Amino acid sequence: MEKYGTYEMNAIAFSDKDEVWYFETIGGHHWAAIRIPDDAYVIAPNRLNIDQFDFAADNTLFAHDLPDLIATYHLNPDPDQVNLRHIFGSSTIKDTRYNNARAWYGQKYFNPERVQDPIDQDLPFICRTNHKITIEDLKFVLSSHYQNTPYDAYGTGTDAQRKQFRPIGINRNQELHILQIRNDVPASIAGIHWLAFGPNTFNAVVPFYANVTDTPASYRGTGECDPTKAYWLSNVLALIGDSNFGLYEDQENLFEENTVAACRHLQHETDAQATAQLDLPAYLTAVNEKMAAIAMANSNKLLGQMLALGEPQMKLQFTLHD
């Protein structure tokens, strides 16, 4: 960053099994990073997100001249704090429609006791909840469309409410990944790449092992429309599901639960047998093929269920009473 610079703000999370650091580029050659506490979580929509920042703390890093930049050009609007979002971030009407509500809903899910406003420009960055966050929790938030609020695109709010905020799970989702480094297994099998394709409301994450030599064919490439590929099959399910969400919701939920449960069962078996393998990457590559097969079979089963439910609802029908 300091040598080459950048023309825009971006964010990257750097992590290993012990730490997570959240790094934001500010533009030009400037940047800042903060260590996320072990007992905390972060919801980070498309904006500069770091708020409270202490240049003297052990949990922060930054471009060497960042404090001088702020002081020289009188960038800090606050008299008694350093809030990087206030200094370098945006606080626009677009944020209230596009970004803030997504942070609000994620925090509402993990901390339902909080009373917050979805258009609040100062929602906290680092948050804590009183329970451990699961993969299933993360998938729900990443797939969410403001369920149980008036802003749900599939809900019962007014037309204006249902279109007011950009949802997290949206039709242009291309893929969802959850990168997990586990602490309770050997390092050789610690890395898990949970992966799903297509709009997130109608897909399921699969726990692929990272220490592999190849990717399952059904999860490799896109090209022309091909329902034997996970990407295209997930998009087909999403398109049908979106047409009548209430009709297909129960089947989609069961598909997701059954897929994750079956893959977790295979994962537990694999973890137990991994240390005995002479060629571990080859073994894990074969396991990933089984994971993909489970997901594809369950996806095709869901497609059949959706067709059975949806075909009687088609408008192209006629009944002759004679």
C-alpha atoms as a PDB file:
ATOM      1  CA  MET A   1       0.000   0.000   0.000  1.00  0.00           C
ATOM      2  CA  GLU A   2       2.645   2.528   0.976  1.00  0.00           C
ATOM      3  CA  LYS A   3       4.739   1.776  -2.130  1.00  0.00           C
ATOM      4  CA  TYR A   4       2.067   1.494  -4.836  1.00  0.00           C
ATOM      5  CA  GLY A   5      -1.079   3.000  -3.316  1.00  0.00           C
ATOM      6  CA  THR A   6      -4.686   2.510  -4.423  1.00  0.00           C
ATOM      7  CA  TYR A   7      -7.330   4.656  -6.039  1.00  0.00           C
ATOM      8  CA  GLU A   8     -10.225   3.585  -3.832  1.00  0.00           C
ATOM      9  CA  MET A   9     -11.275   2.391  -0.399  1.00  0.00           C
ATOM     10  CA  ASN A  10     -11.363  -1.369   0.144  1.00  0.00           C
ATOM     11  CA  ALA A  11     -11.306  -3.750   3.088  1.00  0.00           C
ATOM     12  CA  ILE A  12      -9.612  -7.105   3.688  1.00  0.00           C
ATOM     13  CA  ALA A  13      -9.711  -9.395   6.711  1.00  0.00           C
ATOM     14  CA  PHE A  14      -6.382 -11.130   7.446  1.00  0.00           C
ATOM     15  CA  SER A  15      -6.637 -14.099   9.777  1.00  0.00           C
ATOM     16  CA  ASP A  16      -5.027 -17.263  11.055  1.00  0.00           C
ATOM     17  CA  LYS A  17      -6.156 -19.620  13.798  1.00  0.00           C
ATOM     18  CA  ASP A  18      -5.222 -17.089  16.478  1.00  0.00           C
ATOM     19  CA  GLU A  19      -6.123 -13.620  15.204  1.00  0.00           C
ATOM     20  CA  VAL A  20      -8.268 -11.609  12.809  1.00  0.00           C
ATOM     21  CA  TRP A  21      -7.106  -8.181  11.636  1.00  0.00           C
ATOM     22  CA  TYR A  22      -9.441  -5.927   9.655  1.00  0.00           C
ATOM     23  CA  PHE A  23      -7.539  -3.772   7.148  1.00  0.00           C
ATOM     24  CA  GLU A  24      -9.021  -0.793   5.287  1.00  0.00           C
ATOM     25  CA  THR A  25      -7.452   1.227   2.527  1.00  0.00           C
ATOM     26  CA  ILE A  26      -8.276   4.902   2.735  1.00  0.00           C
ATOM     27  CA  GLY A  27      -7.069   5.876  -0.730  1.00  0.00           C
ATOM     28  CA  GLY A  28      -3.690   6.909  -2.057  1.00  0.00           C
ATOM     29  CA  HIS A  29      -1.021   5.359   0.150  1.00  0.00           C
ATOM     30  CA  HIS A  30      -2.942   5.447   3.423  1.00  0.00           C
ATOM     31  CA  TRP A  31      -4.417   2.585   5.395  1.00  0.00           C
ATOM     32  CA  ALA A  32      -5.449   1.480   8.858  1.00  0.00           C
ATOM     33  CA  ALA A  33      -6.004  -1.896  10.508  1.00  0.00           C
ATOM     34  CA  ILE A  34      -7.454  -3.064  13.795  1.00  0.00           C
ATOM     35  CA  ARG A  35      -7.369  -6.443  15.527  1.00  0.00           C
ATOM     36  CA  ILE A  36     -10.841  -7.856  16.083  1.00  0.00           C
ATOM     37  CA  PRO A  37     -11.138  -9.108  19.698  1.00  0.00           C
ATOM     38  CA  ASP A  38     -11.514 -12.859  20.109  1.00  0.00           C
ATOM     39  CA  ASP A  39     -14.957 -12.466  21.691  1.00  0.00           C
ATOM     40  CA  ALA A  40     -16.308 -10.055  19.072  1.00  0.00           C
ATOM     41  CA  TYR A  41     -17.882 -10.020  15.620  1.00  0.00           C
ATOM     42  CA  VAL A  42     -18.047  -7.481  12.803  1.00  0.00           C
ATOM     43  CA  ILE A  43     -20.708  -6.719  10.180  1.00  0.00           C
ATOM     44  CA  ALA A  44     -19.043  -4.741   7.375  1.00  0.00           C
ATOM     45  CA  PRO A  45     -21.148  -3.467   4.452  1.00  0.00           C
ATOM     46  CA  ASN A  46     -19.796  -1.518   1.450  1.00  0.00           C
ATOM     47  CA  ARG A  47     -18.300   1.483   3.198  1.00  0.00           C
ATOM     48  CA  LEU A  48     -15.353   2.426   5.398  1.00  0.00           C
ATOM     49  CA  ASN A  49     -16.308   0.701   8.636  1.00  0.00           C
ATOM     50  CA  ILE A  50     -13.626   1.179  11.320  1.00  0.00           C
ATOM     51  CA  ASP A  51     -14.917   3.672  13.878  1.00  0.00           C
ATOM     52  CA  GLN A  52     -13.098   4.185  17.221  1.00  0.00           C
ATOM     53  CA  PHE A  53      -9.336   4.096  16.665  1.00  0.00           C
ATOM     54  CA  ASP A  54      -6.410   4.548  19.030  1.00  0.00           C
ATOM     55  CA  PHE A  55      -3.069   5.245  17.359  1.00  0.00           C
ATOM     56  CA  ALA A  56      -1.217   4.294  20.563  1.00  0.00           C
ATOM     57  CA  ALA A  57      -2.926   0.940  21.134  1.00  0.00           C
ATOM     58  CA  ASP A  58      -1.387  -2.495  20.618  1.00  0.00           C
ATOM     59  CA  ASN A  59      -4.391  -3.618  18.564  1.00  0.00           C
ATOM     60  CA  THR A  60      -3.990  -1.045  15.766  1.00  0.00           C
ATOM     61  CA  LEU A  61      -1.678  -0.579  12.781  1.00  0.00           C
ATOM     62  CA  PHE A  62      -1.671   2.267  10.248  1.00  0.00           C
ATOM     63  CA  ALA A  63       0.268   4.119   7.573  1.00  0.00           C
ATOM     64  CA  HIS A  64       3.155   5.935   9.269  1.00  0.00           C
ATOM     65  CA  ASP A  65       1.914   9.402   8.274  1.00  0.00           C
ATOM     66  CA  LEU A  66      -1.807   8.863   8.857  1.00  0.00           C
ATOM     67  CA  PRO A  67      -1.980  10.875  12.121  1.00  0.00           C
ATOM     68  CA  ASP A  68      -0.108  13.770  10.468  1.00  0.00           C
ATOM     69  CA  LEU A  69      -2.446  13.658   7.450  1.00  0.00           C
ATOM     70  CA  ILE A  70      -5.465  14.008   9.729  1.00  0.00           C
ATOM     71  CA  ALA A  71      -3.903  16.815  11.745  1.00  0.00           C
ATOM     72  CA  THR A  72      -2.391  18.769   8.852  1.00  0.00           C
ATOM     73  CA  TYR A  73      -5.579  18.927   6.830  1.00  0.00           C
ATOM     74  CA  HIS A  74      -7.972  19.271   9.811  1.00  0.00           C
ATOM     75  CA  LEU A  75      -9.899  16.147   8.788  1.00  0.00           C
ATOM     76  CA  ASN A  76     -11.254  15.124  12.188  1.00  0.00           C
ATOM     77  CA  PRO A  77     -14.753  16.528  12.755  1.00  0.00           C
ATOM     78  CA  ASP A  78     -14.864  15.264  16.363  1.00  0.00           C
ATOM     79  CA  PRO A  79     -13.285  17.252  19.219  1.00  0.00           C
ATOM     80  CA  ASP A  80     -12.774  14.322  21.592  1.00  0.00           C
ATOM     81  CA  GLN A  81     -12.185  11.119  19.572  1.00  0.00           C
ATOM     82  CA  VAL A  82     -10.591   9.564  16.503  1.00  0.00           C
ATOM     83  CA  ASN A  83     -13.357   7.893  14.523  1.00  0.00           C
ATOM     84  CA  LEU A  84     -12.013   6.802  11.137  1.00  0.00           C
ATOM     85  CA  ARG A  85     -15.493   6.414   9.694  1.00  0.00           C
ATOM     86  CA  HIS A  86     -16.239  10.036  10.552  1.00  0.00           C
ATOM     87  CA  ILE A  87     -12.874  11.188   9.170  1.00  0.00           C
ATOM     88  CA  PHE A  88     -12.603   9.205   5.945  1.00  0.00           C
ATOM     89  CA  GLY A  89     -15.937   7.443   5.470  1.00  0.00           C
ATOM     90  CA  SER A  90     -19.269   8.436   4.010  1.00  0.00           C
ATOM     91  CA  SER A  91     -22.509   9.370   5.719  1.00  0.00           C
ATOM     92  CA  THR A  92     -24.871   9.810   2.808  1.00  0.00           C
ATOM     93  CA  ILE A  93     -28.475   9.134   1.909  1.00  0.00           C
ATOM     94  CA  LYS A  94     -27.188   6.242  -0.196  1.00  0.00           C
ATOM     95  CA  ASP A  95     -25.635   4.724   2.946  1.00  0.00           C
ATOM     96  CA  THR A  96     -29.034   4.807   4.644  1.00  0.00           C
ATOM     97  CA  ARG A  97     -30.533   2.824   1.762  1.00  0.00           C
ATOM     98  CA  TYR A  98     -27.627   0.616   0.685  1.00  0.00           C
ATOM     99  CA  ASN A  99     -25.308  -0.052   3.635  1.00  0.00           C
ATOM    100  CA  ASN A 100     -26.587   0.822   7.089  1.00  0.00           C
ATOM    101  CA  ALA A 101     -29.604  -1.485   7.084  1.00  0.00           C
ATOM    102  CA  ARG A 102     -27.442  -4.501   6.342  1.00  0.00           C
ATOM    103  CA  ALA A 103     -25.270  -3.809   9.382  1.00  0.00           C
ATOM    104  CA  TRP A 104     -28.448  -3.165  11.398  1.00  0.00           C
ATOM    105  CA  TYR A 105     -30.026  -6.492  10.458  1.00  0.00           C
ATOM    106  CA  GLY A 106     -26.884  -8.521  11.157  1.00  0.00           C
ATOM    107  CA  GLN A 107     -26.510  -6.864  14.559  1.00  0.00           C
ATOM    108  CA  LYS A 108     -30.233  -7.333  15.210  1.00  0.00           C
ATOM    109  CA  TYR A 109     -29.840 -11.056  14.529  1.00  0.00           C
ATOM    110  CA  PHE A 110     -26.860 -11.520  16.844  1.00  0.00           C
ATOM    111  CA  ASN A 111     -28.090  -9.029  19.465  1.00  0.00           C
ATOM    112  CA  PRO A 112     -31.908  -8.967  19.359  1.00  0.00           C
ATOM    113  CA  GLU A 113     -31.980  -7.117  22.675  1.00  0.00           C
ATOM    114  CA  ARG A 114     -30.595  -3.972  21.022  1.00  0.00           C
ATOM    115  CA  VAL A 115     -32.937  -1.260  19.811  1.00  0.00           C
ATOM    116  CA  GLN A 116     -31.321   0.353  16.758  1.00  0.00           C
ATOM    117  CA  ASP A 117     -32.476   2.179  13.645  1.00  0.00           C
ATOM    118  CA  PRO A 118     -31.734   0.721  10.185  1.00  0.00           C
ATOM    119  CA  ILE A 119     -30.743   4.141   8.828  1.00  0.00           C
ATOM    120  CA  ASP A 120     -28.422   4.993  11.741  1.00  0.00           C
ATOM    121  CA  GLN A 121     -25.091   6.293  10.398  1.00  0.00           C
ATOM    122  CA  ASP A 122     -23.235   5.349  13.607  1.00  0.00           C
ATOM    123  CA  LEU A 123     -23.989   1.687  14.118  1.00  0.00           C
ATOM    124  CA  PRO A 124     -21.032   0.162  16.016  1.00  0.00           C
ATOM    125  CA  PHE A 125     -18.240  -1.634  14.173  1.00  0.00           C
ATOM    126  CA  ILE A 126     -16.957  -4.122  16.767  1.00  0.00           C
ATOM    127  CA  CYS A 127     -19.828  -5.919  18.519  1.00  0.00           C
ATOM    128  CA  ARG A 128     -20.238  -8.676  21.077  1.00  0.00           C
ATOM    129  CA  THR A 129     -23.010 -11.196  21.599  1.00  0.00           C
ATOM    130  CA  ASN A 130     -23.699 -13.529  24.515  1.00  0.00           C
ATOM    131  CA  HIS A 131     -23.499 -16.735  22.471  1.00  0.00           C
ATOM    132  CA  LYS A 132     -20.976 -18.390  20.168  1.00  0.00           C
ATOM    133  CA  ILE A 133     -21.616 -17.723  16.491  1.00  0.00           C
ATOM    134  CA  THR A 134     -22.061 -20.795  14.270  1.00  0.00           C
ATOM    135  CA  ILE A 135     -21.578 -21.399  10.563  1.00  0.00           C
ATOM    136  CA  GLU A 136     -25.360 -21.665  10.306  1.00  0.00           C
ATOM    137  CA  ASP A 137     -25.697 -18.206  11.899  1.00  0.00           C
ATOM    138  CA  LEU A 138     -23.306 -16.724   9.352  1.00  0.00           C
ATOM    139  CA  LYS A 139     -25.148 -18.369   6.460  1.00  0.00           C
ATOM    140  CA  PHE A 140     -28.485 -17.023   7.677  1.00  0.00           C
ATOM    141  CA  VAL A 141     -27.194 -13.463   7.884  1.00  0.00           C
ATOM    142  CA  LEU A 142     -25.447 -13.667   4.508  1.00  0.00           C
ATOM    143  CA  SER A 143     -28.682 -14.946   2.960  1.00  0.00           C
ATOM    144  CA  SER A 144     -31.007 -12.552   4.751  1.00  0.00           C
ATOM    145  CA  HIS A 145     -33.621 -10.276   3.264  1.00  0.00           C
ATOM    146  CA  TYR A 146     -34.849  -8.614   6.481  1.00  0.00           C
ATOM    147  CA  GLN A 147     -37.056 -11.509   7.600  1.00  0.00           C
ATOM    148  CA  ASN A 148     -39.637 -10.655  10.266  1.00  0.00           C
ATOM    149  CA  THR A 149     -39.402  -6.942   9.529  1.00  0.00           C
ATOM    150  CA  PRO A 150     -41.521  -4.712   7.263  1.00  0.00           C
ATOM    151  CA  TYR A 151     -38.527  -4.457   4.910  1.00  0.00           C
ATOM    152  CA  ASP A 152     -38.577  -8.122   3.819  1.00  0.00           C
ATOM    153  CA  ALA A 153     -38.799  -8.287   0.013  1.00  0.00           C
ATOM    154  CA  TYR A 154     -40.970 -11.397   0.440  1.00  0.00           C
ATOM    155  CA  GLY A 155     -42.890 -10.035   3.431  1.00  0.00           C
ATOM    156  CA  THR A 156     -46.149  -8.251   4.104  1.00  0.00           C
ATOM    157  CA  GLY A 157     -44.889  -4.674   4.376  1.00  0.00           C
ATOM    158  CA  THR A 158     -45.943  -1.978   1.972  1.00  0.00           C
ATOM    159  CA  ASP A 159     -44.423  -1.879  -1.479  1.00  0.00           C
ATOM    160  CA  ALA A 160     -42.292   1.097  -0.414  1.00  0.00           C
ATOM    161  CA  GLN A 161     -41.047  -0.685   2.722  1.00  0.00           C
ATOM    162  CA  ARG A 162     -40.162  -3.890   0.854  1.00  0.00           C
ATOM    163  CA  LYS A 163     -38.051  -1.884  -1.605  1.00  0.00           C
ATOM    164  CA  GLN A 164     -36.554   0.573   0.874  1.00  0.00           C
ATOM    165  CA  PHE A 165     -33.267  -1.197   1.671  1.00  0.00           C
ATOM    166  CA  ARG A 166     -30.748  -3.277  -0.245  1.00  0.00           C
ATOM    167  CA  PRO A 167     -30.925  -6.803   1.234  1.00  0.00           C
ATOM    168  CA  ILE A 168     -27.867  -8.883   2.047  1.00  0.00           C
ATOM    169  CA  GLY A 169     -29.105 -11.923   0.118  1.00  0.00           C
ATOM    170  CA  ILE A 170     -29.869 -10.412  -3.296  1.00  0.00           C
ATOM    171  CA  ASN A 171     -30.480 -11.710  -6.811  1.00  0.00           C
ATOM    172  CA  ARG A 172     -27.004 -10.751  -8.012  1.00  0.00           C
ATOM    173  CA  ASN A 173     -25.140 -12.798  -5.393  1.00  0.00           C
ATOM    174  CA  GLN A 174     -22.624 -14.880  -7.356  1.00  0.00           C
ATOM    175  CA  GLU A 175     -21.112 -16.883  -4.529  1.00  0.00           C
ATOM    176  CA  LEU A 176     -20.938 -17.078  -0.754  1.00  0.00           C
ATOM    177  CA  HIS A 177     -17.878 -18.212   1.134  1.00  0.00           C
ATOM    178  CA  ILE A 178     -17.126 -18.688   4.813  1.00  0.00           C
ATOM    179  CA  LEU A 179     -13.418 -19.224   5.462  1.00  0.00           C
ATOM    180  CA  GLN A 180     -12.865 -21.228   8.638  1.00  0.00           C
ATOM    181  CA  ILE A 181      -9.595 -22.167  10.352  1.00  0.00           C
ATOM    182  CA  ARG A 182     -10.339 -24.657  13.113  1.00  0.00           C
ATOM    183  CA  ASN A 183      -8.395 -24.932  16.373  1.00  0.00           C
ATOM    184  CA  ASP A 184      -9.467 -28.411  17.491  1.00  0.00           C
ATOM    185  CA  VAL A 185      -7.976 -30.487  14.652  1.00  0.00           C
ATOM    186  CA  PRO A 186      -4.484 -30.919  13.115  1.00  0.00           C
ATOM    187  CA  ALA A 187      -3.292 -28.010  10.971  1.00  0.00           C
ATOM    188  CA  SER A 188      -3.397 -30.191   7.841  1.00  0.00           C
ATOM    189  CA  ILE A 189      -7.199 -30.367   7.977  1.00  0.00           C
ATOM    190  CA  ALA A 190      -7.910 -27.096   9.797  1.00  0.00           C
ATOM    191  CA  GLY A 191      -8.821 -25.002   6.748  1.00  0.00           C
ATOM    192  CA  ILE A 192     -12.427 -25.270   5.564  1.00  0.00           C
ATOM    193  CA  HIS A 193     -13.848 -23.296   2.629  1.00  0.00           C
ATOM    194  CA  TRP A 194     -17.630 -23.296   3.037  1.00  0.00           C
ATOM    195  CA  LEU A 195     -18.956 -22.484  -0.427  1.00  0.00           C
ATOM    196  CA  ALA A 196     -22.259 -21.853  -2.192  1.00  0.00           C
ATOM    197  CA  PHE A 197     -23.143 -20.367  -5.569  1.00  0.00           C
ATOM    198  CA  GLY A 198     -25.945 -18.135  -6.802  1.00  0.00           C
ATOM    199  CA  PRO A 199     -28.477 -16.019  -4.870  1.00  0.00           C
ATOM    200  CA  ASN A 200     -27.965 -16.951  -1.239  1.00  0.00           C
ATOM    201  CA  THR A 201     -31.616 -17.342  -0.255  1.00  0.00           C
ATOM    202  CA  PHE A 202     -31.811 -20.606  -2.226  1.00  0.00           C
ATOM    203  CA  ASN A 203     -28.438 -22.288  -1.766  1.00  0.00           C
ATOM    204  CA  ALA A 204     -26.565 -24.293   0.867  1.00  0.00           C
ATOM    205  CA  VAL A 205     -22.946 -23.973   1.989  1.00  0.00           C
ATOM    206  CA  VAL A 206     -20.711 -27.017   1.560  1.00  0.00           C
ATOM    207  CA  PRO A 207     -17.645 -27.486   3.859  1.00  0.00           C
ATOM    208  CA  PHE A 208     -14.882 -28.193   1.345  1.00  0.00           C
ATOM    209  CA  TYR A 209     -11.444 -29.031   2.750  1.00  0.00           C
ATOM    210  CA  ALA A 210      -8.786 -26.515   1.699  1.00  0.00           C
ATOM    211  CA  ASN A 211      -5.752 -28.843   1.665  1.00  0.00           C
ATOM    212  CA  VAL A 212      -6.614 -30.395  -1.723  1.00  0.00           C
ATOM    213  CA  THR A 213      -5.209 -30.722  -5.234  1.00  0.00           C
ATOM    214  CA  ASP A 214      -8.385 -30.272  -7.314  1.00  0.00           C
ATOM    215  CA  THR A 215     -11.954 -28.934  -7.261  1.00  0.00           C
ATOM    216  CA  PRO A 216     -15.072 -31.080  -7.871  1.00  0.00           C
ATOM    217  CA  ALA A 217     -16.159 -30.786 -11.508  1.00  0.00           C
ATOM    218  CA  SER A 218     -19.655 -29.607 -10.577  1.00  0.00           C
ATOM    219  CA  TYR A 219     -18.123 -26.678  -8.671  1.00  0.00           C
ATOM    220  CA  ARG A 220     -15.550 -25.808 -11.342  1.00  0.00           C
ATOM    221  CA  GLY A 221     -16.269 -23.214 -14.018  1.00  0.00           C
ATOM    222  CA  THR A 222     -19.488 -21.703 -15.309  1.00  0.00           C
ATOM    223  CA  GLY A 223     -19.560 -21.192 -19.092  1.00  0.00           C
ATOM    224  CA  GLU A 224     -22.923 -21.571 -20.809  1.00  0.00           C
ATOM    225  CA  CYS A 225     -26.000 -22.511 -18.787  1.00  0.00           C
ATOM    226  CA  ASP A 226     -25.493 -26.068 -17.556  1.00  0.00           C
ATOM    227  CA  PRO A 227     -27.634 -27.443 -14.674  1.00  0.00           C
ATOM    228  CA  THR A 228     -24.993 -30.110 -13.985  1.00  0.00           C
ATOM    229  CA  LYS A 229     -22.901 -27.255 -12.573  1.00  0.00           C
ATOM    230  CA  ALA A 230     -23.645 -26.076  -9.046  1.00  0.00           C
ATOM    231  CA  TYR A 231     -23.582 -22.430 -10.136  1.00  0.00           C
ATOM    232  CA  TRP A 232     -26.309 -22.809 -12.739  1.00  0.00           C
ATOM    233  CA  LEU A 233     -28.442 -25.222 -10.710  1.00  0.00           C
ATOM    234  CA  SER A 234     -28.419 -22.794  -7.764  1.00  0.00           C
ATOM    235  CA  ASN A 235     -29.509 -19.969 -10.065  1.00  0.00           C
ATOM    236  CA  VAL A 236     -32.364 -22.078 -11.450  1.00  0.00           C
ATOM    237  CA  LEU A 237     -33.554 -22.824  -7.901  1.00  0.00           C
ATOM    238  CA  ALA A 238     -33.358 -19.134  -7.019  1.00  0.00           C
ATOM    239  CA  LEU A 239     -35.317 -18.003 -10.059  1.00  0.00           C
ATOM    240  CA  ILE A 240     -38.139 -20.462  -9.396  1.00  0.00           C
ATOM    241  CA  GLY A 241     -38.078 -19.816  -5.662  1.00  0.00           C
ATOM    242  CA  ASP A 242     -38.235 -16.073  -6.080  1.00  0.00           C
ATOM    243  CA  SER A 243     -41.451 -16.372  -8.099  1.00  0.00           C
ATOM    244  CA  ASN A 244     -43.408 -17.604  -5.057  1.00  0.00           C
ATOM    245  CA  PHE A 245     -41.212 -17.570  -1.971  1.00  0.00           C
ATOM    246  CA  GLY A 246     -43.961 -18.591   0.448  1.00  0.00           C
ATOM    247  CA  LEU A 247     -44.762 -21.685  -1.620  1.00  0.00           C
ATOM    248  CA  TYR A 248     -41.192 -22.987  -1.666  1.00  0.00           C
ATOM    249  CA  GLU A 249     -39.768 -21.679   1.616  1.00  0.00           C
ATOM    250  CA  ASP A 250     -40.275 -24.824   3.703  1.00  0.00           C
ATOM    251  CA  GLN A 251     -38.708 -27.079   1.076  1.00  0.00           C
ATOM    252  CA  GLU A 252     -35.726 -24.744   0.713  1.00  0.00           C
ATOM    253  CA  ASN A 253     -35.165 -24.668   4.473  1.00  0.00           C
ATOM    254  CA  LEU A 254     -35.239 -28.471   4.669  1.00  0.00           C
ATOM    255  CA  PHE A 255     -32.883 -28.725   1.684  1.00  0.00           C
ATOM    256  CA  GLU A 256     -30.388 -26.456   3.391  1.00  0.00           C
ATOM    257  CA  GLU A 257     -30.620 -28.219   6.759  1.00  0.00           C
ATOM    258  CA  ASN A 258     -30.307 -31.687   5.220  1.00  0.00           C
ATOM    259  CA  THR A 259     -27.393 -30.714   2.993  1.00  0.00           C
ATOM    260  CA  VAL A 260     -25.373 -29.115   5.781  1.00  0.00           C
ATOM    261  CA  ALA A 261     -26.189 -31.990   8.168  1.00  0.00           C
ATOM    262  CA  ALA A 262     -25.078 -34.649   5.673  1.00  0.00           C
ATOM    263  CA  CYS A 263     -21.878 -32.750   4.848  1.00  0.00           C
ATOM    264  CA  ARG A 264     -21.096 -32.186   8.528  1.00  0.00           C
ATOM    265  CA  HIS A 265     -21.522 -35.936   9.150  1.00  0.00           C
ATOM    266  CA  LEU A 266     -19.054 -36.667   6.356  1.00  0.00           C
ATOM    267  CA  GLN A 267     -16.720 -34.022   7.770  1.00  0.00           C
ATOM    268  CA  HIS A 268     -16.733 -35.657  11.218  1.00  0.00           C
ATOM    269  CA  GLU A 269     -15.919 -39.040   9.673  1.00  0.00           C
ATOM    270  CA  THR A 270     -13.133 -37.509   7.591  1.00  0.00           C
ATOM    271  CA  ASP A 271     -11.572 -35.682  10.531  1.00  0.00           C
ATOM    272  CA  ALA A 272     -11.428 -38.935  12.485  1.00  0.00           C
ATOM    273  CA  GLN A 273      -9.724 -40.833   9.651  1.00  0.00           C
ATOM    274  CA  ALA A 274      -7.450 -38.107   8.286  1.00  0.00           C
ATOM    275  CA  THR A 275      -4.366 -38.836  10.402  1.00  0.00           C
ATOM    276  CA  ALA A 276      -4.174 -42.377   9.017  1.00  0.00           C
ATOM    277  CA  GLN A 277      -3.947 -41.273   5.383  1.00  0.00           C
ATOM    278  CA  LEU A 278      -0.654 -41.602   3.515  1.00  0.00           C
ATOM    279  CA  ASP A 279      -1.665 -39.037   0.856  1.00  0.00           C
ATOM    280  CA  LEU A 280      -3.853 -36.612   2.763  1.00  0.00           C
ATOM    281  CA  PRO A 281      -4.467 -34.055  -0.040  1.00  0.00           C
ATOM    282  CA  ALA A 282      -5.658 -36.853  -2.364  1.00  0.00           C
ATOM    283  CA  TYR A 283      -7.922 -38.215   0.373  1.00  0.00           C
ATOM    284  CA  LEU A 284      -9.434 -34.803   1.086  1.00  0.00           C
ATOM    285  CA  THR A 285      -9.895 -34.158  -2.630  1.00  0.00           C
ATOM    286  CA  ALA A 286     -11.953 -37.366  -2.843  1.00  0.00           C
ATOM    287  CA  VAL A 287     -13.973 -36.317   0.202  1.00  0.00           C
ATOM    288  CA  ASN A 288     -14.732 -32.980  -1.436  1.00  0.00           C
ATOM    289  CA  GLU A 289     -16.119 -34.895  -4.428  1.00  0.00           C
ATOM    290  CA  LYS A 290     -18.505 -36.648  -2.047  1.00  0.00           C
ATOM    291  CA  MET A 291     -19.486 -33.286  -0.517  1.00  0.00           C
ATOM    292  CA  ALA A 292     -20.265 -31.908  -3.957  1.00  0.00           C
ATOM    293  CA  ALA A 293     -22.289 -35.019  -4.841  1.00  0.00           C
ATOM    294  CA  ILE A 294     -24.423 -34.584  -1.717  1.00  0.00           C
ATOM    295  CA  ALA A 295     -25.107 -30.941  -2.532  1.00  0.00           C
ATOM    296  CA  MET A 296     -25.943 -31.633  -6.175  1.00  0.00           C
ATOM    297  CA  ALA A 297     -28.244 -34.560  -5.346  1.00  0.00           C
ATOM    298  CA  ASN A 298     -30.115 -32.538  -2.739  1.00  0.00           C
ATOM    299  CA  SER A 299     -30.345 -29.562  -5.107  1.00  0.00           C
ATOM    300  CA  ASN A 300     -31.913 -31.735  -7.804  1.00  0.00           C
ATOM    301  CA  LYS A 301     -34.294 -33.192  -5.244  1.00  0.00           C
ATOM    302  CA  LEU A 302     -35.338 -29.663  -4.271  1.00  0.00           C
ATOM    303  CA  LEU A 303     -35.813 -28.784  -7.945  1.00  0.00           C
ATOM    304  CA  GLY A 304     -38.199 -31.721  -8.341  1.00  0.00           C
ATOM    305  CA  GLN A 305     -40.157 -30.654  -5.249  1.00  0.00           C
ATOM    306  CA  MET A 306     -40.404 -27.093  -6.541  1.00  0.00           C
ATOM    307  CA  LEU A 307     -41.673 -28.285  -9.920  1.00  0.00           C
ATOM    308  CA  ALA A 308     -44.308 -30.458  -8.243  1.00  0.00           C
ATOM    309  CA  LEU A 309     -45.509 -27.512  -6.148  1.00  0.00           C
ATOM    310  CA  GLY A 310     -45.246 -24.908  -8.872  1.00  0.00           C
ATOM    311  CA  GLU A 311     -46.776 -26.582 -11.912  1.00  0.00           C
ATOM    312  CA  PRO A 312     -50.348 -26.558 -10.480  1.00  0.00           C
ATOM    313  CA  GLN A 313     -49.915 -22.783  -9.967  1.00  0.00           C
ATOM    314  CA  MET A 314     -49.140 -22.091 -13.630  1.00  0.00           C
ATOM    315  CA  LYS A 315     -51.429 -19.643 -15.412  1.00  0.00           C
ATOM    316  CA  LEU A 316     -51.415 -21.769 -18.568  1.00  0.00           C
ATOM    317  CA  GLN A 317     -54.243 -24.071 -17.503  1.00  0.00           C
ATOM    318  CA  PHE A 318     -57.901 -24.772 -18.248  1.00  0.00           C
ATOM    319  CA  THR A 319     -60.571 -26.842 -16.502  1.00  0.00           C
ATOM    320  CA  LEU A 320     -63.674 -27.990 -18.397  1.00  0.00           C
ATOM    321  CA  HIS A 321     -66.651 -28.627 -16.109  1.00  0.00           C
ATOM    322  CA  ASP A 322     -68.941 -31.027 -17.948  1.00  0.00           C
END
